[in-house]
Amino acid sequence: MGKISKKGVTLDKCKKCGGIWFDRNELDKLYSMEARR
């Protein structure tokens, strides 16, 4: 797994398939940032 940062949230990215893995509350954080726009 590699790490990527999106809007201040660090996510896990599979180097083999490119899939993104969210830890607890990371998806909620991204959604709430978008909702504020």
Protein backbone atom coordinates (compact mmCIF):
# COMPACT_ATOMS: atom_id res chain seq x y z
CA MET A 1 0.00 0.00 0.00
CA GLY A 2 1.05 3.51 -0.73
CA LYS A 3 -0.20 6.76 0.78
CA ILE A 4 -1.84 9.66 -1.06
CA SER A 5 -3.21 12.93 0.28
CA LYS A 6 -6.45 14.48 -0.92
CA LYS A 7 -7.56 17.78 0.59
CA GLY A 8 -5.59 17.12 3.76
CA VAL A 9 -6.86 13.55 4.25
CA THR A 10 -4.29 10.77 3.88
CA LEU A 11 -5.64 7.69 2.09
CA ASP A 12 -4.19 4.25 1.36
CA LYS A 13 -3.77 3.32 -2.30
CA CYS A 14 -3.04 -0.19 -3.56
CA LYS A 15 0.04 -0.14 -5.76
CA LYS A 16 -1.14 -3.23 -7.64
CA CYS A 17 -4.76 -2.41 -8.56
CA GLY A 18 -4.95 1.34 -7.82
CA GLY A 19 -7.84 0.88 -5.36
CA ILE A 20 -8.34 3.49 -2.64
CA TRP A 21 -8.87 2.39 0.97
CA PHE A 22 -10.51 4.66 3.52
CA ASP A 23 -9.87 4.42 7.26
CA ARG A 24 -12.60 5.28 9.74
CA ASN A 25 -14.18 8.70 9.08
CA GLU A 26 -11.94 9.61 6.11
CA LEU A 27 -14.76 9.37 3.58
CA ASP A 28 -17.02 11.43 5.86
CA LYS A 29 -14.32 14.12 6.10
CA LEU A 30 -14.06 14.35 2.30
CA TYR A 31 -17.86 14.48 1.90
CA SER A 32 -18.20 17.25 4.49
CA MET A 33 -15.47 19.30 2.77
CA GLU A 34 -17.32 19.03 -0.55
CA ALA A 35 -20.67 19.88 1.05
CA ARG A 36 -19.24 23.17 2.36
CA ARG A 37 -18.38 24.32 -1.18
